[in-house]
Every structure is written in C-alpha cells, then in structure tokens.
Amino acid sequence: MVGRKILTCSLVLLCAGLCGGCVKVKPWEKGNFTKAHMAFDPDPLEARFYRHVYESKEAASGGYGVSVVGCGCK
C-alpha cells in the first residue's frame, strides 16, 4: 500500500515537472533564438579550431555528427 502511494506521488510529480516546461513561443519572440549568444557555439570558426586541436591530440576524429572512416581519415 505504501509502495503504491509513493509510485502515485512520483508519477504526479513527474507529470507536473514535464508539463511545466511546455511553453508556446510567440512569433515575435522567435527572433531571440537566432542571436549569437543563444547558439551552442557562438563562434563556429573557433569551435571548429578547438575540435581540430582535440582530434589532433586524441588521434581520433568524428563524433560530432559527421560520418568518417574509423582510421581517422577524413
């Protein structure tokens, strides 16, 4: 009986947490997502440089959504 109560409370809290993140973005607010400070990599050239340095040091490539051969060739 206690386990069922805990499960019910957990499900209610989970649903409340998931529904709390649902928001509708107004059309005039969508322009804010295109600003540089909202990007994962604000400077794509610098991010590419750091990925190149990382790949060179680790002797591996890929893993960033690019299909490459397993030997490190590009």
PDB file of N, CA and C in Angstrom:
ATOM      1  N   MET A   1       0.825  -1.189   0.000  1.00  0.00           N
ATOM      2  CA  MET A   1       0.000   0.000   0.000  1.00  0.00           C
ATOM      3  C   MET A   1       0.868   1.251   0.000  1.00  0.00           C
ATOM      4  N   VAL A   2       1.948   1.255   0.805  1.00  0.00           N
ATOM      5  CA  VAL A   2       2.838   2.406   0.880  1.00  0.00           C
ATOM      6  C   VAL A   2       3.594   2.565  -0.436  1.00  0.00           C
ATOM      7  N   GLY A   3       3.986   1.451  -1.052  1.00  0.00           N
ATOM      8  CA  GLY A   3       4.700   1.492  -2.327  1.00  0.00           C
ATOM      9  C   GLY A   3       3.842   2.084  -3.431  1.00  0.00           C
ATOM     10  N   ARG A   4       2.558   1.755  -3.407  1.00  0.00           N
ATOM     11  CA  ARG A   4       1.637   2.285  -4.409  1.00  0.00           C
ATOM     12  C   ARG A   4       1.461   3.795  -4.244  1.00  0.00           C
ATOM     13  N   LYS A   5       1.446   4.254  -2.994  1.00  0.00           N
ATOM     14  CA  LYS A   5       1.299   5.684  -2.706  1.00  0.00           C
ATOM     15  C   LYS A   5       2.533   6.451  -3.189  1.00  0.00           C
ATOM     16  N   ILE A   6       3.693   5.882  -2.969  1.00  0.00           N
ATOM     17  CA  ILE A   6       4.940   6.513  -3.407  1.00  0.00           C
ATOM     18  C   ILE A   6       4.989   6.569  -4.930  1.00  0.00           C
ATOM     19  N   LEU A   7       4.575   5.495  -5.583  1.00  0.00           N
ATOM     20  CA  LEU A   7       4.559   5.453  -7.039  1.00  0.00           C
ATOM     21  C   LEU A   7       3.601   6.506  -7.606  1.00  0.00           C
ATOM     22  N   THR A   8       2.433   6.627  -6.996  1.00  0.00           N
ATOM     23  CA  THR A   8       1.457   7.612  -7.452  1.00  0.00           C
ATOM     24  C   THR A   8       1.993   9.027  -7.284  1.00  0.00           C
ATOM     25  N   CYS A   9       2.576   9.308  -6.143  1.00  0.00           N
ATOM     26  CA  CYS A   9       3.149  10.638  -5.900  1.00  0.00           C
ATOM     27  C   CYS A   9       4.286  10.936  -6.874  1.00  0.00           C
ATOM     28  N   SER A  10       5.111   9.935  -7.147  1.00  0.00           N
ATOM     29  CA  SER A  10       6.222  10.113  -8.080  1.00  0.00           C
ATOM     30  C   SER A  10       5.709  10.418  -9.479  1.00  0.00           C
ATOM     31  N   LEU A  11       4.686   9.706  -9.921  1.00  0.00           N
ATOM     32  CA  LEU A  11       4.129   9.944 -11.249  1.00  0.00           C
ATOM     33  C   LEU A  11       3.490  11.328 -11.361  1.00  0.00           C
ATOM     34  N   VAL A  12       2.800  11.752 -10.305  1.00  0.00           N
ATOM     35  CA  VAL A  12       2.184  13.078 -10.309  1.00  0.00           C
ATOM     36  C   VAL A  12       3.264  14.155 -10.387  1.00  0.00           C
ATOM     37  N   LEU A  13       4.332  14.016  -9.610  1.00  0.00           N
ATOM     38  CA  LEU A  13       5.421  14.990  -9.635  1.00  0.00           C
ATOM     39  C   LEU A  13       6.139  14.990 -10.983  1.00  0.00           C
ATOM     40  N   LEU A  14       6.319  13.824 -11.570  1.00  0.00           N
ATOM     41  CA  LEU A  14       6.955  13.721 -12.873  1.00  0.00           C
ATOM     42  C   LEU A  14       6.116  14.419 -13.936  1.00  0.00           C
ATOM     43  N   CYS A  15       4.834  14.153 -13.942  1.00  0.00           N
ATOM     44  CA  CYS A  15       3.936  14.801 -14.914  1.00  0.00           C
ATOM     45  C   CYS A  15       3.901  16.315 -14.717  1.00  0.00           C
ATOM     46  N   ALA A  16       3.883  16.753 -13.481  1.00  0.00           N
ATOM     47  CA  ALA A  16       3.867  18.194 -13.202  1.00  0.00           C
ATOM     48  C   ALA A  16       5.170  18.840 -13.675  1.00  0.00           C
ATOM     49  N   GLY A  17       6.268  18.165 -13.474  1.00  0.00           N
ATOM     50  CA  GLY A  17       7.557  18.692 -13.924  1.00  0.00           C
ATOM     51  C   GLY A  17       7.666  18.752 -15.431  1.00  0.00           C
ATOM     52  N   LEU A  18       7.164  17.741 -16.114  1.00  0.00           N
ATOM     53  CA  LEU A  18       7.223  17.722 -17.571  1.00  0.00           C
ATOM     54  C   LEU A  18       6.291  18.752 -18.193  1.00  0.00           C
ATOM     55  N   CYS A  19       5.128  18.941 -17.611  1.00  0.00           N
ATOM     56  CA  CYS A  19       4.174  19.911 -18.152  1.00  0.00           C
ATOM     57  C   CYS A  19       4.604  21.343 -17.872  1.00  0.00           C
ATOM     58  N   GLY A  20       5.405  21.539 -16.863  1.00  0.00           N
ATOM     59  CA  GLY A  20       5.866  22.884 -16.518  1.00  0.00           C
ATOM     60  C   GLY A  20       6.814  23.461 -17.556  1.00  0.00           C
ATOM     61  N   GLY A  21       7.449  22.612 -18.357  1.00  0.00           N
ATOM     62  CA  GLY A  21       8.386  23.087 -19.368  1.00  0.00           C
ATOM     63  C   GLY A  21       7.740  23.377 -20.706  1.00  0.00           C
ATOM     64  N   CYS A  22       6.476  23.135 -20.844  1.00  0.00           N
ATOM     65  CA  CYS A  22       5.791  23.364 -22.119  1.00  0.00           C
ATOM     66  C   CYS A  22       5.379  24.832 -22.221  1.00  0.00           C
ATOM     67  N   VAL A  23       5.950  25.520 -23.172  1.00  0.00           N
ATOM     68  CA  VAL A  23       5.616  26.919 -23.383  1.00  0.00           C
ATOM     69  C   VAL A  23       5.393  27.151 -24.877  1.00  0.00           C
ATOM     70  N   LYS A  24       4.554  28.075 -25.167  1.00  0.00           N
ATOM     71  CA  LYS A  24       4.350  28.462 -26.555  1.00  0.00           C
ATOM     72  C   LYS A  24       5.118  29.752 -26.794  1.00  0.00           C
ATOM     73  N   VAL A  25       6.000  29.711 -27.790  1.00  0.00           N
ATOM     74  CA  VAL A  25       6.799  30.881 -28.116  1.00  0.00           C
ATOM     75  C   VAL A  25       6.019  31.720 -29.117  1.00  0.00           C
ATOM     76  N   LYS A  26       5.888  32.973 -28.811  1.00  0.00           N
ATOM     77  CA  LYS A  26       5.158  33.880 -29.678  1.00  0.00           C
ATOM     78  C   LYS A  26       5.998  34.175 -30.927  1.00  0.00           C
ATOM     79  N   PRO A  27       5.358  34.446 -32.064  1.00  0.00           N
ATOM     80  CA  PRO A  27       6.119  34.682 -33.296  1.00  0.00           C
ATOM     81  C   PRO A  27       7.145  35.799 -33.188  1.00  0.00           C
ATOM     82  N   TRP A  28       6.839  36.855 -32.463  1.00  0.00           N
ATOM     83  CA  TRP A  28       7.781  37.972 -32.354  1.00  0.00           C
ATOM     84  C   TRP A  28       8.932  37.669 -31.393  1.00  0.00           C
ATOM     85  N   GLU A  29       8.839  36.567 -30.635  1.00  0.00           N
ATOM     86  CA  GLU A  29       9.926  36.178 -29.731  1.00  0.00           C
ATOM     87  C   GLU A  29      10.905  35.211 -30.380  1.00  0.00           C
ATOM     88  N   LYS A  30      10.563  34.653 -31.533  1.00  0.00           N
ATOM     89  CA  LYS A  30      11.418  33.659 -32.174  1.00  0.00           C
ATOM     90  C   LYS A  30      12.727  34.247 -32.678  1.00  0.00           C
ATOM     91  N   GLY A  31      12.769  35.527 -32.916  1.00  0.00           N
ATOM     92  CA  GLY A  31      13.998  36.170 -33.359  1.00  0.00           C
ATOM     93  C   GLY A  31      15.094  36.121 -32.304  1.00  0.00           C
ATOM     94  N   ASN A  32      14.721  35.964 -31.045  1.00  0.00           N
ATOM     95  CA  ASN A  32      15.720  35.896 -29.972  1.00  0.00           C
ATOM     96  C   ASN A  32      16.575  34.641 -30.068  1.00  0.00           C
ATOM     97  N   PHE A  33      16.049  33.587 -30.693  1.00  0.00           N
ATOM     98  CA  PHE A  33      16.798  32.329 -30.789  1.00  0.00           C
ATOM     99  C   PHE A  33      17.906  32.398 -31.830  1.00  0.00           C
ATOM    100  N   THR A  34      17.875  33.377 -32.717  1.00  0.00           N
ATOM    101  CA  THR A  34      18.885  33.488 -33.756  1.00  0.00           C
ATOM    102  C   THR A  34      20.065  34.350 -33.338  1.00  0.00           C
ATOM    103  N   LYS A  35      20.022  34.897 -32.154  1.00  0.00           N
ATOM    104  CA  LYS A  35      21.120  35.742 -31.690  1.00  0.00           C
ATOM    105  C   LYS A  35      22.338  34.892 -31.352  1.00  0.00           C
ATOM    106  N   ALA A  36      23.504  35.490 -31.458  1.00  0.00           N
ATOM    107  CA  ALA A  36      24.764  34.764 -31.284  1.00  0.00           C
ATOM    108  C   ALA A  36      24.908  34.174 -29.882  1.00  0.00           C
ATOM    109  N   HIS A  37      24.448  34.869 -28.858  1.00  0.00           N
ATOM    110  CA  HIS A  37      24.620  34.358 -27.502  1.00  0.00           C
ATOM    111  C   HIS A  37      23.694  33.179 -27.192  1.00  0.00           C
ATOM    112  N   MET A  38      22.751  32.872 -28.082  1.00  0.00           N
ATOM    113  CA  MET A  38      21.858  31.734 -27.876  1.00  0.00           C
ATOM    114  C   MET A  38      22.384  30.466 -28.548  1.00  0.00           C
ATOM    115  N   ALA A  39      23.453  30.561 -29.317  1.00  0.00           N
ATOM    116  CA  ALA A  39      23.994  29.417 -30.041  1.00  0.00           C
ATOM    117  C   ALA A  39      24.830  28.549 -29.107  1.00  0.00           C
ATOM    118  N   PHE A  40      24.922  27.263 -29.450  1.00  0.00           N
ATOM    119  CA  PHE A  40      25.782  26.367 -28.672  1.00  0.00           C
ATOM    120  C   PHE A  40      27.243  26.779 -28.832  1.00  0.00           C
ATOM    121  N   ASP A  41      27.626  27.124 -30.051  1.00  0.00           N
ATOM    122  CA  ASP A  41      28.962  27.628 -30.342  1.00  0.00           C
ATOM    123  C   ASP A  41      28.809  29.033 -30.920  1.00  0.00           C
ATOM    124  N   PRO A  42      28.963  30.072 -30.095  1.00  0.00           N
ATOM    125  CA  PRO A  42      28.777  31.425 -30.604  1.00  0.00           C
ATOM    126  C   PRO A  42      29.726  31.768 -31.752  1.00  0.00           C
ATOM    127  N   ASP A  43      30.918  31.207 -31.735  1.00  0.00           N
ATOM    128  CA  ASP A  43      31.880  31.447 -32.810  1.00  0.00           C
ATOM    129  C   ASP A  43      32.184  30.112 -33.478  1.00  0.00           C
ATOM    130  N   PRO A  44      31.520  29.792 -34.605  1.00  0.00           N
ATOM    131  CA  PRO A  44      31.711  28.484 -35.226  1.00  0.00           C
ATOM    132  C   PRO A  44      33.139  28.241 -35.706  1.00  0.00           C
ATOM    133  N   LEU A  45      33.838  29.295 -36.129  1.00  0.00           N
ATOM    134  CA  LEU A  45      35.217  29.118 -36.586  1.00  0.00           C
ATOM    135  C   LEU A  45      36.122  28.710 -35.425  1.00  0.00           C
ATOM    136  N   GLU A  46      35.932  29.334 -34.274  1.00  0.00           N
ATOM    137  CA  GLU A  46      36.731  28.986 -33.102  1.00  0.00           C
ATOM    138  C   GLU A  46      36.396  27.573 -32.620  1.00  0.00           C
ATOM    139  N   ALA A  47      35.122  27.200 -32.670  1.00  0.00           N
ATOM    140  CA  ALA A  47      34.734  25.853 -32.257  1.00  0.00           C
ATOM    141  C   ALA A  47      35.343  24.812 -33.183  1.00  0.00           C
ATOM    142  N   ARG A  48      35.374  25.124 -34.484  1.00  0.00           N
ATOM    143  CA  ARG A  48      35.985  24.193 -35.435  1.00  0.00           C
ATOM    144  C   ARG A  48      37.472  24.050 -35.142  1.00  0.00           C
ATOM    145  N   PHE A  49      38.155  25.143 -34.810  1.00  0.00           N
ATOM    146  CA  PHE A  49      39.577  25.095 -34.470  1.00  0.00           C
ATOM    147  C   PHE A  49      39.812  24.212 -33.242  1.00  0.00           C
ATOM    148  N   TYR A  50      39.011  24.393 -32.203  1.00  0.00           N
ATOM    149  CA  TYR A  50      39.186  23.598 -30.987  1.00  0.00           C
ATOM    150  C   TYR A  50      38.898  22.120 -31.239  1.00  0.00           C
ATOM    151  N   ARG A  51      37.904  21.818 -32.102  1.00  0.00           N
ATOM    152  CA  ARG A  51      37.653  20.424 -32.460  1.00  0.00           C
ATOM    153  C   ARG A  51      38.844  19.834 -33.202  1.00  0.00           C
ATOM    154  N   HIS A  52      39.452  20.626 -34.080  1.00  0.00           N
ATOM    155  CA  HIS A  52      40.625  20.155 -34.819  1.00  0.00           C
ATOM    156  C   HIS A  52      41.776  19.861 -33.857  1.00  0.00           C
ATOM    157  N   VAL A  53      42.003  20.750 -32.907  1.00  0.00           N
ATOM    158  CA  VAL A  53      43.071  20.542 -31.926  1.00  0.00           C
ATOM    159  C   VAL A  53      42.780  19.290 -31.104  1.00  0.00           C
ATOM    160  N   TYR A  54      41.546  19.112 -30.678  1.00  0.00           N
ATOM    161  CA  TYR A  54      41.175  17.939 -29.891  1.00  0.00           C
ATOM    162  C   TYR A  54      41.394  16.660 -30.690  1.00  0.00           C
ATOM    163  N   GLU A  55      40.949  16.662 -31.954  1.00  0.00           N
ATOM    164  CA  GLU A  55      41.119  15.477 -32.794  1.00  0.00           C
ATOM    165  C   GLU A  55      42.596  15.180 -33.019  1.00  0.00           C
ATOM    166  N   SER A  56      43.406  16.211 -33.151  1.00  0.00           N
ATOM    167  CA  SER A  56      44.840  16.008 -33.366  1.00  0.00           C
ATOM    168  C   SER A  56      45.501  15.415 -32.130  1.00  0.00           C
ATOM    169  N   LYS A  57      45.129  15.897 -30.967  1.00  0.00           N
ATOM    170  CA  LYS A  57      45.728  15.392 -29.729  1.00  0.00           C
ATOM    171  C   LYS A  57      45.254  13.983 -29.400  1.00  0.00           C
ATOM    172  N   GLU A  58      44.006  13.672 -29.689  1.00  0.00           N
ATOM    173  CA  GLU A  58      43.446  12.366 -29.351  1.00  0.00           C
ATOM    174  C   GLU A  58      43.659  11.333 -30.452  1.00  0.00           C
ATOM    175  N   ALA A  59      44.148  11.761 -31.609  1.00  0.00           N
ATOM    176  CA  ALA A  59      44.356  10.876 -32.763  1.00  0.00           C
ATOM    177  C   ALA A  59      43.045  10.203 -33.163  1.00  0.00           C
ATOM    178  N   ALA A  60      41.967  10.928 -33.073  1.00  0.00           N
ATOM    179  CA  ALA A  60      40.660  10.408 -33.467  1.00  0.00           C
ATOM    180  C   ALA A  60      39.884  11.543 -34.111  1.00  0.00           C
ATOM    181  N   SER A  61      38.883  11.165 -34.885  1.00  0.00           N
ATOM    182  CA  SER A  61      38.049  12.195 -35.491  1.00  0.00           C
ATOM    183  C   SER A  61      36.613  11.728 -35.485  1.00  0.00           C
ATOM    184  N   GLY A  62      35.725  12.675 -35.708  1.00  0.00           N
ATOM    185  CA  GLY A  62      34.310  12.335 -35.756  1.00  0.00           C
ATOM    186  C   GLY A  62      33.659  12.462 -34.402  1.00  0.00           C
ATOM    187  N   GLY A  63      32.441  11.958 -34.314  1.00  0.00           N
ATOM    188  CA  GLY A  63      31.697  12.043 -33.071  1.00  0.00           C
ATOM    189  C   GLY A  63      30.911  13.327 -32.948  1.00  0.00           C
ATOM    190  N   TYR A  64      30.978  14.155 -33.968  1.00  0.00           N
ATOM    191  CA  TYR A  64      30.253  15.420 -33.949  1.00  0.00           C
ATOM    192  C   TYR A  64      29.126  15.404 -34.966  1.00  0.00           C
ATOM    193  N   GLY A  65      28.614  14.219 -35.273  1.00  0.00           N
ATOM    194  CA  GLY A  65      27.535  14.121 -36.223  1.00  0.00           C
ATOM    195  C   GLY A  65      28.023  13.979 -37.658  1.00  0.00           C
ATOM    196  N   VAL A  66      29.319  13.740 -37.839  1.00  0.00           N
ATOM    197  CA  VAL A  66      29.895  13.591 -39.168  1.00  0.00           C
ATOM    198  C   VAL A  66      30.298  12.139 -39.340  1.00  0.00           C
ATOM    199  N   SER A  67      29.956  11.565 -40.472  1.00  0.00           N
ATOM    200  CA  SER A  67      30.362  10.183 -40.750  1.00  0.00           C
ATOM    201  C   SER A  67      31.767  10.187 -41.336  1.00  0.00           C
ATOM    202  N   VAL A  68      32.674   9.493 -40.672  1.00  0.00           N
ATOM    203  CA  VAL A  68      34.047   9.385 -41.164  1.00  0.00           C
ATOM    204  C   VAL A  68      34.484   7.934 -41.038  1.00  0.00           C
ATOM    205  N   VAL A  69      35.582   7.631 -41.684  1.00  0.00           N
ATOM    206  CA  VAL A  69      36.149   6.286 -41.618  1.00  0.00           C
ATOM    207  C   VAL A  69      36.784   6.104 -40.246  1.00  0.00           C
ATOM    208  N   GLY A  70      36.805   4.886 -39.732  1.00  0.00           N
ATOM    209  CA  GLY A  70      37.296   4.616 -38.388  1.00  0.00           C
ATOM    210  C   GLY A  70      38.781   4.834 -38.192  1.00  0.00           C
ATOM    211  N   CYS A  71      39.569   4.972 -39.276  1.00  0.00           N
ATOM    212  CA  CYS A  71      41.009   5.106 -39.126  1.00  0.00           C
ATOM    213  C   CYS A  71      41.435   6.544 -38.825  1.00  0.00           C
ATOM    214  N   GLY A  72      40.531   7.464 -38.802  1.00  0.00           N
ATOM    215  CA  GLY A  72      40.860   8.860 -38.563  1.00  0.00           C
ATOM    216  C   GLY A  72      40.976   9.645 -39.835  1.00  0.00           C
ATOM    217  N   CYS A  73      40.776   9.006 -40.974  1.00  0.00           N
ATOM    218  CA  CYS A  73      40.840   9.684 -42.276  1.00  0.00           C
ATOM    219  C   CYS A  73      39.599  10.537 -42.467  1.00  0.00           C
ATOM    220  N   LYS A  74      39.754  11.602 -43.196  1.00  0.00           N
ATOM    221  CA  LYS A  74      38.602  12.456 -43.492  1.00  0.00           C
ATOM    222  C   LYS A  74      38.384  12.516 -44.969  1.00  0.00           C
TER     223      LYS A  74
END
